[in-house]
Amino acid sequence: MDFNQTKQILETVASHGKSGCGIITLANQTNISQSQLREFLDSNNDFFCKLNNKSTYTLNAFGKYKGSVEAMLQSVSERNEKTKLNQLILVACVAFVFGFIIGGI
């Protein structure tokens, strides 16, 4: 899920308040498939919680971010930056090893 989609999901769920937002409603309002939404919502327990074992979700007001959309978006942004940095480091290491092997031949 990219940053804009994550922001859209967070804001949509937040707009429904404590009553939560169902998967179908969320999918219709965000134009993201239900399967992608389920996977995203279930894998981000710090952000969302499921209400009464239904397919209704609300922001997690008791987690690390206390239901703050801004704090959650900041976390997503930082996570994306770390991922980009790790990818660059991996590419640099592969290039170095490849250069070392070619230079040794």
PDB file of N, CA and C in Angstrom:
ATOM      1  N   MET A   1       0.857  -1.176   0.000  1.00  0.00           N
ATOM      2  CA  MET A   1       0.000   0.000   0.000  1.00  0.00           C
ATOM      3  C   MET A   1       0.905   1.241   0.000  1.00  0.00           C
ATOM      4  N   ASP A   2       0.668   2.149  -0.922  1.00  0.00           N
ATOM      5  CA  ASP A   2       1.492   3.350  -0.947  1.00  0.00           C
ATOM      6  C   ASP A   2       0.967   4.382   0.064  1.00  0.00           C
ATOM      7  N   PHE A   3       1.720   5.464   0.215  1.00  0.00           N
ATOM      8  CA  PHE A   3       1.408   6.461   1.241  1.00  0.00           C
ATOM      9  C   PHE A   3       0.029   7.086   1.035  1.00  0.00           C
ATOM     10  N   ASN A   4      -0.297   7.427  -0.213  1.00  0.00           N
ATOM     11  CA  ASN A   4      -1.586   8.079  -0.484  1.00  0.00           C
ATOM     12  C   ASN A   4      -2.768   7.158  -0.194  1.00  0.00           C
ATOM     13  N   GLN A   5      -2.633   5.884  -0.536  1.00  0.00           N
ATOM     14  CA  GLN A   5      -3.696   4.935  -0.229  1.00  0.00           C
ATOM     15  C   GLN A   5      -3.840   4.755   1.279  1.00  0.00           C
ATOM     16  N   THR A   6      -2.714   4.674   1.973  1.00  0.00           N
ATOM     17  CA  THR A   6      -2.741   4.545   3.428  1.00  0.00           C
ATOM     18  C   THR A   6      -3.412   5.755   4.055  1.00  0.00           C
ATOM     19  N   LYS A   7      -3.078   6.931   3.565  1.00  0.00           N
ATOM     20  CA  LYS A   7      -3.690   8.158   4.078  1.00  0.00           C
ATOM     21  C   LYS A   7      -5.194   8.152   3.835  1.00  0.00           C
ATOM     22  N   GLN A   8      -5.596   7.732   2.659  1.00  0.00           N
ATOM     23  CA  GLN A   8      -7.013   7.682   2.306  1.00  0.00           C
ATOM     24  C   GLN A   8      -7.765   6.699   3.213  1.00  0.00           C
ATOM     25  N   ILE A   9      -7.168   5.547   3.472  1.00  0.00           N
ATOM     26  CA  ILE A   9      -7.793   4.547   4.345  1.00  0.00           C
ATOM     27  C   ILE A   9      -7.917   5.085   5.763  1.00  0.00           C
ATOM     28  N   LEU A  10      -6.837   5.649   6.289  1.00  0.00           N
ATOM     29  CA  LEU A  10      -6.863   6.182   7.653  1.00  0.00           C
ATOM     30  C   LEU A  10      -7.915   7.274   7.811  1.00  0.00           C
ATOM     31  N   GLU A  11      -7.964   8.188   6.863  1.00  0.00           N
ATOM     32  CA  GLU A  11      -8.918   9.293   6.954  1.00  0.00           C
ATOM     33  C   GLU A  11     -10.362   8.798   6.819  1.00  0.00           C
ATOM     34  N   THR A  12     -10.578   7.806   5.966  1.00  0.00           N
ATOM     35  CA  THR A  12     -11.930   7.270   5.790  1.00  0.00           C
ATOM     36  C   THR A  12     -12.396   6.542   7.049  1.00  0.00           C
ATOM     37  N   VAL A  13     -11.541   5.708   7.604  1.00  0.00           N
ATOM     38  CA  VAL A  13     -11.906   4.998   8.836  1.00  0.00           C
ATOM     39  C   VAL A  13     -12.129   5.999   9.967  1.00  0.00           C
ATOM     40  N   ALA A  14     -11.270   7.010  10.054  1.00  0.00           N
ATOM     41  CA  ALA A  14     -11.412   8.031  11.105  1.00  0.00           C
ATOM     42  C   ALA A  14     -12.719   8.793  10.961  1.00  0.00           C
ATOM     43  N   SER A  15     -13.148   9.023   9.740  1.00  0.00           N
ATOM     44  CA  SER A  15     -14.382   9.790   9.521  1.00  0.00           C
ATOM     45  C   SER A  15     -15.622   9.053  10.022  1.00  0.00           C
ATOM     46  N   HIS A  16     -15.529   7.745  10.182  1.00  0.00           N
ATOM     47  CA  HIS A  16     -16.663   6.952  10.667  1.00  0.00           C
ATOM     48  C   HIS A  16     -16.697   6.874  12.193  1.00  0.00           C
ATOM     49  N   GLY A  17     -15.678   7.372  12.840  1.00  0.00           N
ATOM     50  CA  GLY A  17     -15.665   7.444  14.303  1.00  0.00           C
ATOM     51  C   GLY A  17     -15.629   6.100  14.993  1.00  0.00           C
ATOM     52  N   LYS A  18     -16.179   6.077  16.200  1.00  0.00           N
ATOM     53  CA  LYS A  18     -16.127   4.877  17.039  1.00  0.00           C
ATOM     54  C   LYS A  18     -17.008   3.747  16.533  1.00  0.00           C
ATOM     55  N   SER A  19     -17.992   4.066  15.706  1.00  0.00           N
ATOM     56  CA  SER A  19     -18.859   3.008  15.172  1.00  0.00           C
ATOM     57  C   SER A  19     -18.132   2.168  14.137  1.00  0.00           C
ATOM     58  N   GLY A  20     -17.046   2.698  13.582  1.00  0.00           N
ATOM     59  CA  GLY A  20     -16.232   1.945  12.647  1.00  0.00           C
ATOM     60  C   GLY A  20     -16.743   1.990  11.219  1.00  0.00           C
ATOM     61  N   CYS A  21     -15.996   1.341  10.368  1.00  0.00           N
ATOM     62  CA  CYS A  21     -16.283   1.327   8.936  1.00  0.00           C
ATOM     63  C   CYS A  21     -16.139  -0.096   8.429  1.00  0.00           C
ATOM     64  N   GLY A  22     -17.136  -0.571   7.717  1.00  0.00           N
ATOM     65  CA  GLY A  22     -17.094  -1.917   7.163  1.00  0.00           C
ATOM     66  C   GLY A  22     -16.219  -1.984   5.926  1.00  0.00           C
ATOM     67  N   ILE A  23     -15.786  -3.193   5.612  1.00  0.00           N
ATOM     68  CA  ILE A  23     -14.904  -3.413   4.462  1.00  0.00           C
ATOM     69  C   ILE A  23     -15.559  -2.959   3.159  1.00  0.00           C
ATOM     70  N   ILE A  24     -16.819  -3.284   2.970  1.00  0.00           N
ATOM     71  CA  ILE A  24     -17.500  -2.936   1.717  1.00  0.00           C
ATOM     72  C   ILE A  24     -17.601  -1.420   1.576  1.00  0.00           C
ATOM     73  N   THR A  25     -17.992  -0.746   2.640  1.00  0.00           N
ATOM     74  CA  THR A  25     -18.073   0.717   2.614  1.00  0.00           C
ATOM     75  C   THR A  25     -16.711   1.326   2.344  1.00  0.00           C
ATOM     76  N   LEU A  26     -15.706   0.809   3.028  1.00  0.00           N
ATOM     77  CA  LEU A  26     -14.340   1.315   2.845  1.00  0.00           C
ATOM     78  C   LEU A  26     -13.861   1.097   1.415  1.00  0.00           C
ATOM     79  N   ALA A  27     -14.142  -0.065   0.867  1.00  0.00           N
ATOM     80  CA  ALA A  27     -13.746  -0.355  -0.513  1.00  0.00           C
ATOM     81  C   ALA A  27     -14.445   0.590  -1.489  1.00  0.00           C
ATOM     82  N   ASN A  28     -15.721   0.852  -1.264  1.00  0.00           N
ATOM     83  CA  ASN A  28     -16.464   1.760  -2.146  1.00  0.00           C
ATOM     84  C   ASN A  28     -15.956   3.192  -2.055  1.00  0.00           C
ATOM     85  N   GLN A  29     -15.591   3.627  -0.861  1.00  0.00           N
ATOM     86  CA  GLN A  29     -15.157   5.009  -0.682  1.00  0.00           C
ATOM     87  C   GLN A  29     -13.708   5.248  -1.104  1.00  0.00           C
ATOM     88  N   THR A  30     -12.884   4.198  -1.086  1.00  0.00           N
ATOM     89  CA  THR A  30     -11.465   4.372  -1.419  1.00  0.00           C
ATOM     90  C   THR A  30     -11.078   3.811  -2.784  1.00  0.00           C
ATOM     91  N   ASN A  31     -11.985   3.031  -3.399  1.00  0.00           N
ATOM     92  CA  ASN A  31     -11.684   2.360  -4.675  1.00  0.00           C
ATOM     93  C   ASN A  31     -10.480   1.421  -4.572  1.00  0.00           C
ATOM     94  N   ILE A  32     -10.371   0.751  -3.431  1.00  0.00           N
ATOM     95  CA  ILE A  32      -9.344  -0.262  -3.201  1.00  0.00           C
ATOM     96  C   ILE A  32     -10.091  -1.574  -2.988  1.00  0.00           C
ATOM     97  N   SER A  33      -9.554  -2.660  -3.530  1.00  0.00           N
ATOM     98  CA  SER A  33     -10.257  -3.943  -3.441  1.00  0.00           C
ATOM     99  C   SER A  33     -10.398  -4.404  -1.987  1.00  0.00           C
ATOM    100  N   GLN A  34     -11.460  -5.159  -1.741  1.00  0.00           N
ATOM    101  CA  GLN A  34     -11.725  -5.656  -0.398  1.00  0.00           C
ATOM    102  C   GLN A  34     -10.608  -6.561   0.114  1.00  0.00           C
ATOM    103  N   SER A  35     -10.055  -7.377  -0.760  1.00  0.00           N
ATOM    104  CA  SER A  35      -8.986  -8.289  -0.324  1.00  0.00           C
ATOM    105  C   SER A  35      -7.732  -7.519   0.085  1.00  0.00           C
ATOM    106  N   GLN A  36      -7.390  -6.465  -0.662  1.00  0.00           N
ATOM    107  CA  GLN A  36      -6.243  -5.638  -0.291  1.00  0.00           C
ATOM    108  C   GLN A  36      -6.501  -4.930   1.037  1.00  0.00           C
ATOM    109  N   LEU A  37      -7.708  -4.447   1.212  1.00  0.00           N
ATOM    110  CA  LEU A  37      -8.055  -3.762   2.454  1.00  0.00           C
ATOM    111  C   LEU A  37      -7.982  -4.705   3.649  1.00  0.00           C
ATOM    112  N   ARG A  38      -8.539  -5.905   3.508  1.00  0.00           N
ATOM    113  CA  ARG A  38      -8.495  -6.877   4.616  1.00  0.00           C
ATOM    114  C   ARG A  38      -7.063  -7.175   5.019  1.00  0.00           C
ATOM    115  N   GLU A  39      -6.226  -7.425   4.019  1.00  0.00           N
ATOM    116  CA  GLU A  39      -4.817  -7.733   4.290  1.00  0.00           C
ATOM    117  C   GLU A  39      -4.137  -6.564   4.991  1.00  0.00           C
ATOM    118  N   PHE A  40      -4.374  -5.352   4.506  1.00  0.00           N
ATOM    119  CA  PHE A  40      -3.751  -4.166   5.085  1.00  0.00           C
ATOM    120  C   PHE A  40      -4.246  -3.907   6.509  1.00  0.00           C
ATOM    121  N   LEU A  41      -5.556  -3.962   6.700  1.00  0.00           N
ATOM    122  CA  LEU A  41      -6.126  -3.682   8.017  1.00  0.00           C
ATOM    123  C   LEU A  41      -5.705  -4.727   9.046  1.00  0.00           C
ATOM    124  N   ASP A  42      -5.685  -5.989   8.649  1.00  0.00           N
ATOM    125  CA  ASP A  42      -5.305  -7.062   9.581  1.00  0.00           C
ATOM    126  C   ASP A  42      -3.815  -7.060   9.907  1.00  0.00           C
ATOM    127  N   SER A  43      -2.992  -6.523   9.004  1.00  0.00           N
ATOM    128  CA  SER A  43      -1.547  -6.515   9.256  1.00  0.00           C
ATOM    129  C   SER A  43      -1.075  -5.251   9.973  1.00  0.00           C
ATOM    130  N   ASN A  44      -1.963  -4.304  10.215  1.00  0.00           N
ATOM    131  CA  ASN A  44      -1.585  -3.065  10.901  1.00  0.00           C
ATOM    132  C   ASN A  44      -2.411  -2.893  12.176  1.00  0.00           C
ATOM    133  N   ASN A  45      -2.172  -3.779  13.134  1.00  0.00           N
ATOM    134  CA  ASN A  45      -2.920  -3.753  14.389  1.00  0.00           C
ATOM    135  C   ASN A  45      -2.625  -2.514  15.234  1.00  0.00           C
ATOM    136  N   ASP A  46      -1.508  -1.863  14.995  1.00  0.00           N
ATOM    137  CA  ASP A  46      -1.221  -0.614  15.707  1.00  0.00           C
ATOM    138  C   ASP A  46      -2.145   0.515  15.246  1.00  0.00           C
ATOM    139  N   PHE A  47      -2.650   0.398  14.031  1.00  0.00           N
ATOM    140  CA  PHE A  47      -3.492   1.441  13.458  1.00  0.00           C
ATOM    141  C   PHE A  47      -4.985   1.148  13.612  1.00  0.00           C
ATOM    142  N   PHE A  48      -5.370  -0.110  13.430  1.00  0.00           N
ATOM    143  CA  PHE A  48      -6.782  -0.467  13.355  1.00  0.00           C
ATOM    144  C   PHE A  48      -7.129  -1.580  14.330  1.00  0.00           C
ATOM    145  N   CYS A  49      -8.388  -1.623  14.717  1.00  0.00           N
ATOM    146  CA  CYS A  49      -8.881  -2.770  15.481  1.00  0.00           C
ATOM    147  C   CYS A  49     -10.244  -3.170  14.927  1.00  0.00           C
ATOM    148  N   LYS A  50     -10.480  -4.464  14.973  1.00  0.00           N
ATOM    149  CA  LYS A  50     -11.711  -5.051  14.465  1.00  0.00           C
ATOM    150  C   LYS A  50     -12.762  -4.991  15.564  1.00  0.00           C
ATOM    151  N   LEU A  51     -13.966  -4.614  15.202  1.00  0.00           N
ATOM    152  CA  LEU A  51     -15.048  -4.516  16.176  1.00  0.00           C
ATOM    153  C   LEU A  51     -15.877  -5.793  16.211  1.00  0.00           C
ATOM    154  N   ASN A  52     -15.994  -6.404  17.374  1.00  0.00           N
ATOM    155  CA  ASN A  52     -16.882  -7.546  17.622  1.00  0.00           C
ATOM    156  C   ASN A  52     -16.756  -8.670  16.601  1.00  0.00           C
ATOM    157  N   ASN A  53     -15.539  -8.989  16.189  1.00  0.00           N
ATOM    158  CA  ASN A  53     -15.295 -10.068  15.234  1.00  0.00           C
ATOM    159  C   ASN A  53     -16.090  -9.929  13.940  1.00  0.00           C
ATOM    160  N   LYS A  54     -16.447  -8.716  13.598  1.00  0.00           N
ATOM    161  CA  LYS A  54     -17.121  -8.446  12.335  1.00  0.00           C
ATOM    162  C   LYS A  54     -16.086  -7.915  11.357  1.00  0.00           C
ATOM    163  N   SER A  55     -16.534  -7.560  10.187  1.00  0.00           N
ATOM    164  CA  SER A  55     -15.618  -6.951   9.223  1.00  0.00           C
ATOM    165  C   SER A  55     -15.704  -5.430   9.314  1.00  0.00           C
ATOM    166  N   THR A  56     -15.893  -4.941  10.535  1.00  0.00           N
ATOM    167  CA  THR A  56     -15.948  -3.503  10.799  1.00  0.00           C
ATOM    168  C   THR A  56     -14.694  -3.099  11.553  1.00  0.00           C
ATOM    169  N   TYR A  57     -14.057  -2.038  11.094  1.00  0.00           N
ATOM    170  CA  TYR A  57     -12.803  -1.589  11.682  1.00  0.00           C
ATOM    171  C   TYR A  57     -12.925  -0.154  12.168  1.00  0.00           C
ATOM    172  N   THR A  58     -12.145   0.158  13.191  1.00  0.00           N
ATOM    173  CA  THR A  58     -12.034   1.520  13.694  1.00  0.00           C
ATOM    174  C   THR A  58     -10.566   1.789  13.989  1.00  0.00           C
ATOM    175  N   LEU A  59     -10.215   3.046  14.205  1.00  0.00           N
ATOM    176  CA  LEU A  59      -8.839   3.360  14.567  1.00  0.00           C
ATOM    177  C   LEU A  59      -8.560   2.837  15.966  1.00  0.00           C
ATOM    178  N   ASN A  60      -7.365   2.326  16.171  1.00  0.00           N
ATOM    179  CA  ASN A  60      -6.964   1.782  17.461  1.00  0.00           C
ATOM    180  C   ASN A  60      -6.624   2.938  18.405  1.00  0.00           C
ATOM    181  N   ALA A  61      -7.544   3.254  19.298  1.00  0.00           N
ATOM    182  CA  ALA A  61      -7.360   4.381  20.218  1.00  0.00           C
ATOM    183  C   ALA A  61      -6.479   4.020  21.403  1.00  0.00           C
ATOM    184  N   PHE A  62      -6.166   2.737  21.581  1.00  0.00           N
ATOM    185  CA  PHE A  62      -5.392   2.314  22.746  1.00  0.00           C
ATOM    186  C   PHE A  62      -4.001   1.845  22.377  1.00  0.00           C
ATOM    187  N   GLY A  63      -3.662   1.877  21.113  1.00  0.00           N
ATOM    188  CA  GLY A  63      -2.362   1.412  20.652  1.00  0.00           C
ATOM    189  C   GLY A  63      -1.296   2.484  20.780  1.00  0.00           C
ATOM    190  N   LYS A  64      -0.229   2.236  20.119  1.00  0.00           N
ATOM    191  CA  LYS A  64       0.951   3.110  20.157  1.00  0.00           C
ATOM    192  C   LYS A  64       0.640   4.550  19.733  1.00  0.00           C
ATOM    193  N   TYR A  65      -0.286   4.716  18.801  1.00  0.00           N
ATOM    194  CA  TYR A  65      -0.552   6.034  18.227  1.00  0.00           C
ATOM    195  C   TYR A  65      -1.801   6.712  18.792  1.00  0.00           C
ATOM    196  N   LYS A  66      -2.489   6.042  19.696  1.00  0.00           N
ATOM    197  CA  LYS A  66      -3.657   6.604  20.399  1.00  0.00           C
ATOM    198  C   LYS A  66      -4.726   7.144  19.445  1.00  0.00           C
ATOM    199  N   GLY A  67      -4.869   6.521  18.282  1.00  0.00           N
ATOM    200  CA  GLY A  67      -5.901   6.919  17.333  1.00  0.00           C
ATOM    201  C   GLY A  67      -5.583   8.172  16.537  1.00  0.00           C
ATOM    202  N   SER A  68      -4.352   8.668  16.615  1.00  0.00           N
ATOM    203  CA  SER A  68      -3.957   9.893  15.908  1.00  0.00           C
ATOM    204  C   SER A  68      -3.568   9.581  14.464  1.00  0.00           C
ATOM    205  N   VAL A  69      -4.349  10.080  13.528  1.00  0.00           N
ATOM    206  CA  VAL A  69      -4.069   9.862  12.108  1.00  0.00           C
ATOM    207  C   VAL A  69      -2.721  10.478  11.738  1.00  0.00           C
ATOM    208  N   GLU A  70      -2.416  11.653  12.267  1.00  0.00           N
ATOM    209  CA  GLU A  70      -1.156  12.328  11.952  1.00  0.00           C
ATOM    210  C   GLU A  70       0.043  11.493  12.409  1.00  0.00           C
ATOM    211  N   ALA A  71      -0.023  10.939  13.618  1.00  0.00           N
ATOM    212  CA  ALA A  71       1.075  10.113  14.128  1.00  0.00           C
ATOM    213  C   ALA A  71       1.233   8.844  13.291  1.00  0.00           C
ATOM    214  N   MET A  72       0.115   8.266  12.868  1.00  0.00           N
ATOM    215  CA  MET A  72       0.163   7.067  12.037  1.00  0.00           C
ATOM    216  C   MET A  72       0.787   7.363  10.681  1.00  0.00           C
ATOM    217  N   LEU A  73       0.410   8.484  10.089  1.00  0.00           N
ATOM    218  CA  LEU A  73       0.982   8.858   8.787  1.00  0.00           C
ATOM    219  C   LEU A  73       2.478   9.158   8.913  1.00  0.00           C
ATOM    220  N   GLN A  74       2.871   9.760  10.004  1.00  0.00           N
ATOM    221  CA  GLN A  74       4.297  10.019  10.239  1.00  0.00           C
ATOM    222  C   GLN A  74       5.055   8.696  10.324  1.00  0.00           C
ATOM    223  N   SER A  75       4.486   7.723  11.002  1.00  0.00           N
ATOM    224  CA  SER A  75       5.107   6.407  11.122  1.00  0.00           C
ATOM    225  C   SER A  75       5.234   5.729   9.765  1.00  0.00           C
ATOM    226  N   VAL A  76       4.185   5.814   8.950  1.00  0.00           N
ATOM    227  CA  VAL A  76       4.213   5.217   7.609  1.00  0.00           C
ATOM    228  C   VAL A  76       5.285   5.887   6.760  1.00  0.00           C
ATOM    229  N   SER A  77       5.379   7.199   6.850  1.00  0.00           N
ATOM    230  CA  SER A  77       6.382   7.941   6.094  1.00  0.00           C
ATOM    231  C   SER A  77       7.799   7.523   6.500  1.00  0.00           C
ATOM    232  N   GLU A  78       8.018   7.394   7.800  1.00  0.00           N
ATOM    233  CA  GLU A  78       9.341   6.979   8.285  1.00  0.00           C
ATOM    234  C   GLU A  78       9.659   5.550   7.845  1.00  0.00           C
ATOM    235  N   ARG A  79       8.661   4.682   7.887  1.00  0.00           N
ATOM    236  CA  ARG A  79       8.843   3.292   7.469  1.00  0.00           C
ATOM    237  C   ARG A  79       9.203   3.230   5.987  1.00  0.00           C
ATOM    238  N   ASN A  80       8.537   4.053   5.171  1.00  0.00           N
ATOM    239  CA  ASN A  80       8.833   4.083   3.733  1.00  0.00           C
ATOM    240  C   ASN A  80      10.246   4.578   3.470  1.00  0.00           C
ATOM    241  N   GLU A  81      10.686   5.581   4.216  1.00  0.00           N
ATOM    242  CA  GLU A  81      12.044   6.103   4.056  1.00  0.00           C
ATOM    243  C   GLU A  81      13.083   5.044   4.418  1.00  0.00           C
ATOM    244  N   LYS A  82      12.847   4.306   5.494  1.00  0.00           N
ATOM    245  CA  LYS A  82      13.770   3.244   5.900  1.00  0.00           C
ATOM    246  C   LYS A  82      13.835   2.154   4.842  1.00  0.00           C
ATOM    247  N   THR A  83      12.699   1.827   4.265  1.00  0.00           N
ATOM    248  CA  THR A  83      12.658   0.801   3.225  1.00  0.00           C
ATOM    249  C   THR A  83      13.461   1.239   2.003  1.00  0.00           C
ATOM    250  N   LYS A  84      13.300   2.494   1.602  1.00  0.00           N
ATOM    251  CA  LYS A  84      14.047   3.017   0.449  1.00  0.00           C
ATOM    252  C   LYS A  84      15.547   2.985   0.734  1.00  0.00           C
ATOM    253  N   LEU A  85      15.939   3.389   1.943  1.00  0.00           N
ATOM    254  CA  LEU A  85      17.354   3.391   2.309  1.00  0.00           C
ATOM    255  C   LEU A  85      17.914   1.977   2.298  1.00  0.00           C
ATOM    256  N   ASN A  86      17.179   1.026   2.847  1.00  0.00           N
ATOM    257  CA  ASN A  86      17.630  -0.366   2.858  1.00  0.00           C
ATOM    258  C   ASN A  86      17.780  -0.918   1.452  1.00  0.00           C
ATOM    259  N   GLN A  87      16.892  -0.544   0.551  1.00  0.00           N
ATOM    260  CA  GLN A  87      16.990  -0.998  -0.837  1.00  0.00           C
ATOM    261  C   GLN A  87      18.233  -0.420  -1.503  1.00  0.00           C
ATOM    262  N   LEU A  88      18.526   0.850  -1.242  1.00  0.00           N
ATOM    263  CA  LEU A  88      19.723   1.469  -1.816  1.00  0.00           C
ATOM    264  C   LEU A  88      20.990   0.817  -1.290  1.00  0.00           C
ATOM    265  N   ILE A  89      21.016   0.498  -0.006  1.00  0.00           N
ATOM    266  CA  ILE A  89      22.181  -0.160   0.586  1.00  0.00           C
ATOM    267  C   ILE A  89      22.371  -1.538  -0.031  1.00  0.00           C
ATOM    268  N   LEU A  90      21.283  -2.269  -0.229  1.00  0.00           N
ATOM    269  CA  LEU A  90      21.362  -3.589  -0.847  1.00  0.00           C
ATOM    270  C   LEU A  90      21.924  -3.500  -2.268  1.00  0.00           C
ATOM    271  N   VAL A  91      21.440  -2.550  -3.041  1.00  0.00           N
ATOM    272  CA  VAL A  91      21.931  -2.376  -4.415  1.00  0.00           C
ATOM    273  C   VAL A  91      23.414  -2.019  -4.410  1.00  0.00           C
ATOM    274  N   ALA A  92      23.821  -1.154  -3.502  1.00  0.00           N
ATOM    275  CA  ALA A  92      25.231  -0.773  -3.407  1.00  0.00           C
ATOM    276  C   ALA A  92      26.106  -1.977  -3.047  1.00  0.00           C
ATOM    277  N   CYS A  93      25.645  -2.800  -2.123  1.00  0.00           N
ATOM    278  CA  CYS A  93      26.406  -3.993  -1.730  1.00  0.00           C
ATOM    279  C   CYS A  93      26.531  -4.980  -2.885  1.00  0.00           C
ATOM    280  N   VAL A  94      25.436  -5.191  -3.606  1.00  0.00           N
ATOM    281  CA  VAL A  94      25.466  -6.109  -4.751  1.00  0.00           C
ATOM    282  C   VAL A  94      26.425  -5.566  -5.811  1.00  0.00           C
ATOM    283  N   ALA A  95      26.378  -4.277  -6.074  1.00  0.00           N
ATOM    284  CA  ALA A  95      27.277  -3.674  -7.060  1.00  0.00           C
ATOM    285  C   ALA A  95      28.736  -3.821  -6.622  1.00  0.00           C
ATOM    286  N   PHE A  96      28.998  -3.627  -5.334  1.00  0.00           N
ATOM    287  CA  PHE A  96      30.371  -3.770  -4.828  1.00  0.00           C
ATOM    288  C   PHE A  96      30.862  -5.193  -4.988  1.00  0.00           C
ATOM    289  N   VAL A  97      30.050  -6.164  -4.593  1.00  0.00           N
ATOM    290  CA  VAL A  97      30.449  -7.569  -4.696  1.00  0.00           C
ATOM    291  C   VAL A  97      30.633  -7.960  -6.164  1.00  0.00           C
ATOM    292  N   PHE A  98      29.736  -7.525  -7.009  1.00  0.00           N
ATOM    293  CA  PHE A  98      29.852  -7.821  -8.432  1.00  0.00           C
ATOM    294  C   PHE A  98      31.134  -7.213  -9.006  1.00  0.00           C
ATOM    295  N   GLY A  99      31.420  -5.977  -8.635  1.00  0.00           N
ATOM    296  CA  GLY A  99      32.662  -5.332  -9.081  1.00  0.00           C
ATOM    297  C   GLY A  99      33.881  -6.034  -8.569  1.00  0.00           C
ATOM    298  N   PHE A 100      33.835  -6.506  -7.331  1.00  0.00           N
ATOM    299  CA  PHE A 100      34.959  -7.216  -6.742  1.00  0.00           C
ATOM    300  C   PHE A 100      35.210  -8.529  -7.463  1.00  0.00           C
ATOM    301  N   ILE A 101      34.120  -9.236  -7.805  1.00  0.00           N
ATOM    302  CA  ILE A 101      34.252 -10.514  -8.518  1.00  0.00           C
ATOM    303  C   ILE A 101      34.797 -10.284  -9.921  1.00  0.00           C
ATOM    304  N   ILE A 102      34.265  -9.293 -10.626  1.00  0.00           N
ATOM    305  CA  ILE A 102      34.730  -8.983 -11.992  1.00  0.00           C
ATOM    306  C   ILE A 102      36.187  -8.533 -11.950  1.00  0.00           C
ATOM    307  N   GLY A 103      36.551  -7.733 -10.965  1.00  0.00           N
ATOM    308  CA  GLY A 103      37.923  -7.242 -10.862  1.00  0.00           C
ATOM    309  C   GLY A 103      38.920  -8.336 -10.551  1.00  0.00           C
ATOM    310  N   GLY A 104      38.455  -9.387  -9.894  1.00  0.00           N
ATOM    311  CA  GLY A 104      39.347 -10.497  -9.527  1.00  0.00           C
ATOM    312  C   GLY A 104      39.583 -11.482 -10.648  1.00  0.00           C
ATOM    313  N   ILE A 105      38.799 -11.369 -11.728  1.00  0.00           N
ATOM    314  CA  ILE A 105      38.942 -12.347 -12.834  1.00  0.00           C
ATOM    315  C   ILE A 105      40.081 -12.003 -13.709  1.00  0.00           C
TER     316      ILE A 105
END
